N, C-alpha and C. Protein backbone atom coordinates (compact mmCIF):
# COMPACT_ATOMS: atom_id res chain seq x y z
N UNK A 1 10.08 6.63 12.17
CA UNK A 1 9.51 5.59 11.33
C UNK A 1 9.62 6.01 9.88
N UNK A 2 10.48 5.33 9.07
CA UNK A 2 10.69 5.67 7.72
C UNK A 2 9.59 5.06 6.87
N UNK A 3 9.11 5.76 5.82
CA UNK A 3 8.14 5.11 4.94
C UNK A 3 8.51 5.40 3.52
N UNK A 4 7.94 4.59 2.65
CA UNK A 4 8.18 4.72 1.24
C UNK A 4 6.86 4.41 0.56
N UNK A 5 6.56 5.08 -0.52
CA UNK A 5 5.33 4.77 -1.26
C UNK A 5 4.52 5.99 -1.62
N UNK A 6 4.46 6.99 -0.78
CA UNK A 6 3.63 8.19 -1.09
C UNK A 6 4.48 9.31 -1.63
N UNK A 7 5.81 9.35 -1.34
CA UNK A 7 6.59 10.48 -1.82
C UNK A 7 7.05 10.26 -3.23
N UNK A 8 7.21 11.35 -3.95
CA UNK A 8 7.69 11.22 -5.34
C UNK A 8 9.11 10.68 -5.41
N UNK A 9 9.38 9.85 -6.38
CA UNK A 9 10.74 9.32 -6.56
C UNK A 9 10.90 8.85 -7.99
N UNK A 10 12.10 8.47 -8.32
CA UNK A 10 12.46 7.90 -9.62
C UNK A 10 11.99 6.41 -9.67
N UNK A 11 10.78 6.23 -10.23
CA UNK A 11 10.13 4.91 -10.15
C UNK A 11 10.94 3.85 -10.92
N UNK A 12 11.52 4.14 -12.09
CA UNK A 12 12.24 3.18 -12.83
C UNK A 12 13.49 2.75 -12.02
N UNK A 13 14.16 3.70 -11.43
CA UNK A 13 15.32 3.38 -10.56
C UNK A 13 14.87 2.50 -9.41
N UNK A 14 13.74 2.81 -8.81
CA UNK A 14 13.21 2.07 -7.71
C UNK A 14 13.01 0.59 -8.09
N UNK A 15 12.43 0.34 -9.25
CA UNK A 15 12.21 -0.99 -9.76
C UNK A 15 13.51 -1.72 -9.99
N UNK A 16 14.41 -1.06 -10.74
CA UNK A 16 15.68 -1.67 -11.05
C UNK A 16 16.52 -2.03 -9.82
N UNK A 17 16.54 -1.10 -8.84
CA UNK A 17 17.30 -1.32 -7.60
C UNK A 17 16.77 -2.49 -6.86
N UNK A 18 15.42 -2.66 -6.79
CA UNK A 18 14.85 -3.69 -6.06
C UNK A 18 15.08 -5.04 -6.73
N UNK A 19 14.91 -5.10 -8.06
CA UNK A 19 15.19 -6.35 -8.76
C UNK A 19 16.61 -6.76 -8.59
N UNK A 20 17.56 -5.81 -8.70
CA UNK A 20 18.98 -6.09 -8.48
C UNK A 20 19.25 -6.60 -7.11
N UNK A 21 18.66 -6.02 -6.08
CA UNK A 21 18.84 -6.45 -4.76
C UNK A 21 18.30 -7.86 -4.50
N UNK A 22 17.11 -8.18 -5.05
CA UNK A 22 16.57 -9.52 -4.94
C UNK A 22 17.38 -10.49 -5.66
N UNK A 23 17.84 -10.14 -6.87
CA UNK A 23 18.66 -11.05 -7.71
C UNK A 23 19.93 -11.41 -6.96
N UNK A 24 20.58 -10.42 -6.37
CA UNK A 24 21.86 -10.64 -5.64
C UNK A 24 21.62 -11.49 -4.36
N UNK A 25 20.49 -11.19 -3.67
CA UNK A 25 20.14 -11.96 -2.46
C UNK A 25 19.93 -13.46 -2.84
N UNK A 26 19.17 -13.71 -3.95
CA UNK A 26 18.90 -15.04 -4.34
C UNK A 26 20.15 -15.80 -4.74
N UNK A 27 21.06 -15.10 -5.44
CA UNK A 27 22.32 -15.75 -5.83
C UNK A 27 23.12 -16.13 -4.59
N UNK A 28 23.19 -15.16 -3.64
CA UNK A 28 23.98 -15.42 -2.43
C UNK A 28 23.38 -16.53 -1.56
N UNK A 29 22.09 -16.66 -1.56
CA UNK A 29 21.41 -17.69 -0.77
C UNK A 29 21.09 -18.99 -1.54
N UNK A 30 21.45 -18.97 -2.80
CA UNK A 30 21.14 -20.22 -3.63
C UNK A 30 19.67 -20.42 -3.90
N UNK A 31 18.95 -19.31 -4.00
CA UNK A 31 17.51 -19.37 -4.27
C UNK A 31 17.30 -19.22 -5.78
N UNK A 32 16.27 -19.90 -6.29
CA UNK A 32 15.92 -19.81 -7.71
C UNK A 32 15.01 -18.64 -8.00
N UNK A 33 15.55 -17.61 -8.59
CA UNK A 33 14.77 -16.40 -8.98
C UNK A 33 14.43 -16.64 -10.45
N UNK A 34 13.37 -17.38 -10.62
CA UNK A 34 12.98 -17.82 -12.03
C UNK A 34 12.38 -16.63 -12.74
N UNK A 35 12.25 -16.74 -14.08
CA UNK A 35 11.63 -15.69 -14.86
C UNK A 35 10.21 -15.28 -14.39
N UNK A 36 9.43 -16.28 -13.99
CA UNK A 36 8.04 -15.95 -13.55
C UNK A 36 8.10 -15.25 -12.19
N UNK A 37 8.91 -15.68 -11.31
CA UNK A 37 9.10 -14.99 -10.00
C UNK A 37 9.59 -13.58 -10.21
N UNK A 38 10.51 -13.35 -11.10
CA UNK A 38 11.02 -12.03 -11.42
C UNK A 38 9.92 -11.17 -11.99
N UNK A 39 9.16 -11.70 -12.90
CA UNK A 39 8.12 -10.93 -13.54
C UNK A 39 7.03 -10.57 -12.52
N UNK A 40 6.65 -11.50 -11.66
CA UNK A 40 5.67 -11.19 -10.60
C UNK A 40 6.16 -10.03 -9.71
N UNK A 41 7.41 -10.09 -9.34
CA UNK A 41 7.98 -8.98 -8.54
C UNK A 41 7.96 -7.67 -9.34
N UNK A 42 8.29 -7.70 -10.62
CA UNK A 42 8.29 -6.51 -11.44
C UNK A 42 6.85 -5.95 -11.54
N UNK A 43 5.84 -6.85 -11.63
CA UNK A 43 4.45 -6.39 -11.69
C UNK A 43 4.09 -5.71 -10.39
N UNK A 44 4.50 -6.28 -9.25
CA UNK A 44 4.19 -5.68 -7.96
C UNK A 44 4.95 -4.32 -7.80
N UNK A 45 6.08 -4.22 -8.36
CA UNK A 45 6.84 -2.99 -8.24
C UNK A 45 6.36 -1.86 -9.14
N UNK A 46 5.65 -2.20 -10.19
CA UNK A 46 5.17 -1.20 -11.13
C UNK A 46 4.13 -0.20 -10.59
N UNK A 47 3.45 -0.64 -9.47
CA UNK A 47 2.46 0.22 -8.86
C UNK A 47 2.73 0.25 -7.36
N UNK A 48 2.39 1.32 -6.70
CA UNK A 48 2.47 1.34 -5.24
C UNK A 48 1.12 1.08 -4.65
N UNK A 49 0.49 0.01 -5.15
CA UNK A 49 -0.73 -0.48 -4.55
C UNK A 49 -0.65 -2.00 -4.54
N UNK A 50 -1.41 -2.53 -3.63
CA UNK A 50 -1.46 -3.99 -3.54
C UNK A 50 -2.25 -4.58 -4.70
N UNK A 51 -1.79 -5.71 -5.19
CA UNK A 51 -2.47 -6.40 -6.28
C UNK A 51 -2.93 -7.78 -5.80
N UNK A 52 -4.11 -8.19 -6.22
CA UNK A 52 -4.58 -9.52 -5.94
C UNK A 52 -3.91 -10.53 -6.82
N UNK A 53 -3.89 -11.78 -6.37
CA UNK A 53 -3.29 -12.86 -7.16
C UNK A 53 -3.87 -13.02 -8.55
N UNK A 54 -5.18 -12.76 -8.67
CA UNK A 54 -5.81 -12.94 -9.99
C UNK A 54 -5.48 -11.75 -10.93
N UNK A 55 -5.24 -10.57 -10.35
CA UNK A 55 -4.78 -9.44 -11.17
C UNK A 55 -3.38 -9.76 -11.77
N UNK A 56 -2.55 -10.36 -10.94
CA UNK A 56 -1.22 -10.72 -11.32
C UNK A 56 -1.30 -11.84 -12.36
N UNK A 57 -2.14 -12.83 -12.12
CA UNK A 57 -2.32 -13.94 -13.05
C UNK A 57 -2.84 -13.41 -14.42
N UNK A 58 -3.71 -12.47 -14.44
CA UNK A 58 -4.13 -11.91 -15.69
C UNK A 58 -3.01 -11.28 -16.49
N UNK A 59 -2.11 -10.62 -15.81
CA UNK A 59 -0.94 -9.99 -16.51
C UNK A 59 0.03 -11.12 -17.00
N UNK A 60 0.19 -12.12 -16.19
CA UNK A 60 1.08 -13.26 -16.60
C UNK A 60 0.47 -13.95 -17.82
N UNK A 61 -0.80 -14.15 -17.82
CA UNK A 61 -1.51 -14.82 -18.92
C UNK A 61 -1.34 -13.99 -20.22
N UNK A 62 -1.53 -12.63 -20.11
CA UNK A 62 -1.37 -11.79 -21.27
C UNK A 62 0.02 -11.84 -21.83
N UNK A 63 1.02 -12.12 -21.03
CA UNK A 63 2.41 -12.17 -21.46
C UNK A 63 2.86 -13.62 -21.75
N UNK A 64 1.95 -14.59 -21.69
CA UNK A 64 2.26 -15.96 -22.00
C UNK A 64 3.10 -16.67 -20.98
N UNK A 65 3.06 -16.18 -19.74
CA UNK A 65 3.87 -16.79 -18.68
C UNK A 65 3.15 -17.76 -17.77
N UNK A 66 1.85 -18.02 -18.08
CA UNK A 66 1.08 -18.99 -17.30
C UNK A 66 -0.36 -18.53 -17.21
N UNK A 67 -1.24 -19.51 -17.12
CA UNK A 67 -2.64 -19.19 -17.09
C UNK A 67 -3.41 -19.84 -15.89
N UNK A 68 -2.73 -20.62 -15.14
CA UNK A 68 -3.36 -21.34 -13.99
C UNK A 68 -3.02 -20.66 -12.69
N UNK A 69 -3.94 -20.58 -11.77
CA UNK A 69 -3.66 -19.88 -10.47
C UNK A 69 -2.42 -20.34 -9.77
N UNK A 70 -2.06 -21.65 -9.76
CA UNK A 70 -0.88 -22.06 -9.02
C UNK A 70 0.41 -21.32 -9.50
N UNK A 71 0.44 -20.89 -10.77
CA UNK A 71 1.63 -20.12 -11.29
C UNK A 71 1.85 -18.90 -10.45
N UNK A 72 0.78 -18.11 -10.28
CA UNK A 72 0.88 -16.85 -9.56
C UNK A 72 1.09 -17.12 -8.08
N UNK A 73 0.29 -18.10 -7.52
CA UNK A 73 0.44 -18.28 -6.12
C UNK A 73 1.78 -18.89 -5.68
N UNK A 74 2.39 -19.73 -6.49
CA UNK A 74 3.75 -20.24 -6.18
C UNK A 74 4.76 -19.14 -6.16
N UNK A 75 4.67 -18.25 -7.17
CA UNK A 75 5.61 -17.12 -7.23
C UNK A 75 5.38 -16.20 -6.06
N UNK A 76 4.16 -15.89 -5.72
CA UNK A 76 3.87 -15.05 -4.60
C UNK A 76 4.35 -15.68 -3.26
N UNK A 77 4.13 -16.96 -3.09
CA UNK A 77 4.61 -17.70 -1.91
C UNK A 77 6.09 -17.55 -1.73
N UNK A 78 6.84 -17.74 -2.86
CA UNK A 78 8.27 -17.62 -2.85
C UNK A 78 8.67 -16.22 -2.41
N UNK A 79 8.05 -15.20 -3.02
CA UNK A 79 8.42 -13.80 -2.74
C UNK A 79 8.11 -13.44 -1.29
N UNK A 80 6.97 -13.83 -0.76
CA UNK A 80 6.58 -13.56 0.61
C UNK A 80 7.48 -14.29 1.59
N UNK A 81 7.72 -15.56 1.33
CA UNK A 81 8.52 -16.43 2.23
C UNK A 81 9.94 -15.91 2.35
N UNK A 82 10.51 -15.32 1.31
CA UNK A 82 11.84 -14.83 1.30
C UNK A 82 11.99 -13.32 1.56
N UNK A 83 10.84 -12.69 1.94
CA UNK A 83 10.89 -11.29 2.34
C UNK A 83 11.00 -10.29 1.20
N UNK A 84 10.62 -10.70 -0.03
CA UNK A 84 10.63 -9.80 -1.17
C UNK A 84 9.28 -9.14 -1.45
N UNK A 85 8.22 -9.67 -0.80
CA UNK A 85 6.86 -9.16 -0.97
C UNK A 85 6.09 -9.39 0.34
N UNK A 86 5.03 -8.67 0.54
CA UNK A 86 4.21 -8.80 1.71
C UNK A 86 2.76 -9.02 1.29
N UNK A 87 2.02 -9.76 2.14
CA UNK A 87 0.62 -9.94 1.91
C UNK A 87 -0.09 -8.83 2.78
N UNK A 88 -0.93 -8.07 2.12
CA UNK A 88 -1.76 -7.09 2.82
C UNK A 88 -3.08 -7.75 3.15
N UNK A 89 -3.22 -8.12 4.44
CA UNK A 89 -4.33 -8.98 4.84
C UNK A 89 -5.69 -8.27 4.58
N UNK A 90 -5.80 -6.98 4.89
CA UNK A 90 -7.07 -6.29 4.75
C UNK A 90 -7.55 -6.27 3.29
N UNK A 91 -6.65 -6.26 2.36
CA UNK A 91 -6.98 -6.22 0.92
C UNK A 91 -6.86 -7.61 0.27
N UNK A 92 -6.42 -8.60 0.97
CA UNK A 92 -6.14 -9.97 0.43
C UNK A 92 -5.34 -9.82 -0.86
N UNK A 93 -4.29 -9.05 -0.79
CA UNK A 93 -3.46 -8.69 -1.95
C UNK A 93 -2.03 -8.61 -1.49
N UNK A 94 -1.15 -8.35 -2.47
CA UNK A 94 0.32 -8.37 -2.25
C UNK A 94 0.99 -7.11 -2.75
N UNK A 95 2.08 -6.80 -2.06
CA UNK A 95 2.84 -5.60 -2.44
C UNK A 95 4.33 -5.95 -2.33
N UNK A 96 5.09 -5.39 -3.21
CA UNK A 96 6.57 -5.63 -3.19
C UNK A 96 7.10 -5.01 -1.93
N UNK A 97 8.10 -5.59 -1.33
CA UNK A 97 8.79 -5.15 -0.15
C UNK A 97 9.69 -3.97 -0.50
N UNK A 98 9.66 -2.98 0.34
CA UNK A 98 10.55 -1.78 0.14
C UNK A 98 11.93 -2.04 0.63
N UNK A 99 12.14 -3.12 1.39
CA UNK A 99 13.44 -3.51 1.94
C UNK A 99 13.68 -4.98 1.70
N UNK A 100 13.79 -5.40 0.48
CA UNK A 100 13.83 -6.84 0.15
C UNK A 100 15.04 -7.56 0.81
N UNK A 101 14.66 -8.67 1.42
CA UNK A 101 15.71 -9.50 1.99
C UNK A 101 16.17 -9.07 3.37
N UNK A 102 15.68 -7.98 3.89
CA UNK A 102 16.08 -7.48 5.18
C UNK A 102 15.07 -7.95 6.23
N UNK A 103 15.53 -8.23 7.43
CA UNK A 103 14.63 -8.57 8.52
C UNK A 103 14.10 -7.24 9.08
N UNK A 104 12.79 -7.10 9.04
CA UNK A 104 12.17 -5.89 9.54
C UNK A 104 10.70 -6.16 9.89
N UNK A 105 10.08 -5.22 10.59
CA UNK A 105 8.68 -5.28 10.95
C UNK A 105 7.92 -4.16 10.22
N UNK A 106 7.34 -4.47 9.10
CA UNK A 106 6.70 -3.43 8.32
C UNK A 106 5.29 -3.02 8.93
N UNK A 107 4.97 -1.77 8.69
CA UNK A 107 3.65 -1.23 8.97
C UNK A 107 3.16 -0.74 7.67
N UNK A 108 1.92 -1.09 7.34
CA UNK A 108 1.39 -0.70 6.01
C UNK A 108 0.37 0.43 6.17
N UNK A 109 0.56 1.48 5.40
CA UNK A 109 -0.33 2.63 5.36
C UNK A 109 -1.18 2.48 4.09
N UNK A 110 -2.45 2.24 4.21
CA UNK A 110 -3.30 1.89 3.07
C UNK A 110 -4.28 3.04 2.83
N UNK A 111 -4.24 3.63 1.63
CA UNK A 111 -5.17 4.67 1.28
C UNK A 111 -6.54 4.09 0.96
N UNK A 112 -7.57 4.47 1.66
CA UNK A 112 -8.91 3.91 1.43
C UNK A 112 -9.53 4.44 0.12
N UNK A 113 -9.02 5.51 -0.43
CA UNK A 113 -9.59 6.04 -1.64
C UNK A 113 -8.96 5.45 -2.90
N UNK A 114 -7.65 5.34 -2.94
CA UNK A 114 -6.96 4.87 -4.17
C UNK A 114 -6.25 3.52 -4.03
N UNK A 115 -6.31 2.98 -2.83
CA UNK A 115 -5.64 1.66 -2.51
C UNK A 115 -4.10 1.75 -2.65
N UNK A 116 -3.52 2.96 -2.64
CA UNK A 116 -2.08 3.03 -2.61
C UNK A 116 -1.62 2.47 -1.27
N UNK A 117 -0.45 1.83 -1.23
CA UNK A 117 0.09 1.31 0.03
C UNK A 117 1.51 1.77 0.16
N UNK A 118 1.85 2.34 1.28
CA UNK A 118 3.20 2.69 1.66
C UNK A 118 3.66 1.74 2.80
N UNK A 119 4.90 1.41 2.77
CA UNK A 119 5.49 0.56 3.75
C UNK A 119 6.38 1.38 4.69
N UNK A 120 6.13 1.27 5.91
CA UNK A 120 6.95 1.97 6.92
C UNK A 120 7.58 0.86 7.82
N UNK A 121 8.58 1.23 8.54
CA UNK A 121 9.19 0.19 9.49
C UNK A 121 8.95 0.69 10.87
N UNK A 122 8.65 -0.31 11.68
CA UNK A 122 8.44 -0.04 13.14
C UNK A 122 8.80 -1.30 13.90
N UNK A 123 9.40 -1.16 15.04
CA UNK A 123 9.76 -2.26 15.86
C UNK A 123 8.60 -2.60 16.78
N UNK A 124 7.92 -3.76 16.57
CA UNK A 124 6.74 -4.04 17.38
C UNK A 124 6.96 -4.25 18.80
N UNK A 125 8.20 -4.54 19.22
CA UNK A 125 8.45 -4.78 20.62
C UNK A 125 8.61 -3.50 21.38
N UNK A 126 8.64 -2.37 20.67
CA UNK A 126 8.74 -1.08 21.39
C UNK A 126 7.40 -0.47 21.36
N UNK A 127 7.28 0.68 21.96
CA UNK A 127 6.01 1.44 21.94
C UNK A 127 4.94 0.77 22.78
N UNK A 128 3.67 1.18 22.61
CA UNK A 128 2.58 0.66 23.40
C UNK A 128 2.32 -0.82 23.21
N UNK A 129 2.48 -1.31 21.97
CA UNK A 129 2.24 -2.70 21.72
C UNK A 129 3.25 -3.58 22.44
N UNK A 130 4.50 -3.12 22.37
CA UNK A 130 5.56 -3.88 23.05
C UNK A 130 5.37 -3.89 24.54
N UNK A 131 4.94 -2.71 25.12
CA UNK A 131 4.71 -2.63 26.55
C UNK A 131 3.50 -3.51 26.96
N UNK A 132 2.46 -3.53 26.18
CA UNK A 132 1.31 -4.36 26.50
C UNK A 132 1.70 -5.83 26.49
N UNK A 133 2.53 -6.22 25.51
CA UNK A 133 2.99 -7.60 25.44
C UNK A 133 3.84 -7.91 26.67
N UNK A 134 4.76 -7.06 27.02
CA UNK A 134 5.61 -7.34 28.17
C UNK A 134 4.80 -7.43 29.47
N UNK A 135 3.81 -6.52 29.55
CA UNK A 135 2.91 -6.56 30.78
C UNK A 135 2.18 -7.87 30.88
N UNK A 136 1.84 -8.46 29.73
CA UNK A 136 1.09 -9.71 29.71
C UNK A 136 2.05 -10.95 29.74
N UNK A 137 3.35 -10.66 29.76
CA UNK A 137 4.27 -11.84 29.71
C UNK A 137 4.35 -12.50 28.40
N UNK A 138 4.05 -11.70 27.36
CA UNK A 138 3.97 -12.24 25.99
C UNK A 138 5.19 -11.80 25.16
N UNK A 139 5.73 -12.70 24.32
CA UNK A 139 6.84 -12.31 23.42
C UNK A 139 6.25 -12.24 22.03
N UNK A 140 6.40 -11.06 21.42
CA UNK A 140 5.94 -10.84 20.03
C UNK A 140 6.99 -11.46 19.08
N UNK A 141 6.55 -12.33 18.27
CA UNK A 141 7.42 -12.95 17.24
C UNK A 141 7.12 -12.32 15.84
N UNK A 142 5.91 -11.94 15.59
CA UNK A 142 5.52 -11.35 14.32
C UNK A 142 4.33 -10.47 14.51
N UNK A 143 4.35 -9.31 13.93
CA UNK A 143 3.13 -8.46 14.00
C UNK A 143 2.94 -7.83 12.63
N UNK A 144 1.67 -7.82 12.23
CA UNK A 144 1.29 -7.23 10.97
C UNK A 144 0.38 -6.01 11.36
N UNK A 145 0.86 -4.83 11.02
CA UNK A 145 0.08 -3.65 11.32
C UNK A 145 -0.31 -2.97 10.02
N UNK A 146 -1.60 -2.77 9.87
CA UNK A 146 -2.16 -2.16 8.69
C UNK A 146 -3.01 -0.98 9.14
N UNK A 147 -2.65 0.25 8.68
CA UNK A 147 -3.44 1.41 9.01
C UNK A 147 -4.11 1.93 7.78
N UNK A 148 -5.38 2.28 7.94
CA UNK A 148 -6.14 2.79 6.78
C UNK A 148 -6.42 4.27 6.93
N UNK A 149 -6.30 4.98 5.86
CA UNK A 149 -6.55 6.44 5.88
C UNK A 149 -6.51 7.04 4.51
N UNK A 150 -6.04 8.27 4.38
CA UNK A 150 -5.93 8.92 3.05
C UNK A 150 -4.48 9.31 2.84
N UNK A 151 -4.02 9.03 1.61
CA UNK A 151 -2.65 9.38 1.21
C UNK A 151 -2.65 10.88 0.91
N UNK A 152 -1.48 11.49 0.86
CA UNK A 152 -1.40 12.93 0.56
C UNK A 152 -2.16 13.36 -0.74
N UNK A 153 -2.01 12.60 -1.77
CA UNK A 153 -2.75 12.91 -3.01
C UNK A 153 -4.25 12.93 -2.87
N UNK A 154 -4.75 11.94 -2.18
CA UNK A 154 -6.23 11.85 -1.99
C UNK A 154 -6.74 12.92 -0.99
N UNK A 155 -5.88 13.24 -0.01
CA UNK A 155 -6.23 14.32 0.89
C UNK A 155 -6.32 15.62 0.12
N UNK A 156 -5.37 15.88 -0.74
CA UNK A 156 -5.39 17.11 -1.56
C UNK A 156 -6.62 17.18 -2.45
N UNK A 157 -6.99 16.00 -3.08
CA UNK A 157 -8.16 15.95 -3.94
C UNK A 157 -9.42 16.14 -3.17
N UNK A 158 -9.51 15.65 -1.98
CA UNK A 158 -10.73 15.79 -1.14
C UNK A 158 -10.93 17.22 -0.66
N UNK A 159 -9.80 17.90 -0.47
CA UNK A 159 -9.89 19.29 0.02
C UNK A 159 -10.25 20.28 -1.14
N UNK A 160 -10.06 19.82 -2.36
CA UNK A 160 -10.29 20.72 -3.51
C UNK A 160 -11.77 20.87 -3.83
């Protein structure tokens, strides 16, 4: 299970690579990657924690990109619908996708202390969940798995 979010990395490169991948995907699929949608994705990419729609709206308002909730919600709907962002149900918030435009089944690792979120990939039809579904004659079409705990940084801080 690969994860991204807690390990150190070149954050500016991470943001640029993701924006470039989304831009290319949108061009290839004929999707409108508007300035507001781009900025919302950039805002999500700037931190590895989930942000609520109103936090995003506050930033858009400060930048003169919109002041009404539908502006943020429409951009977030587009990003989630097209696999560029995910909704973290437990936090009622959103995070940029680590694998934009790819079909995958993410697992979210949520730090209860700092709200950092890492995205890992897992195939829900395998493992115990997949076996339980098969035993019940059930076909999994979509699974959202959110695990809460402590990230490495908060574990270190708690031990000190």
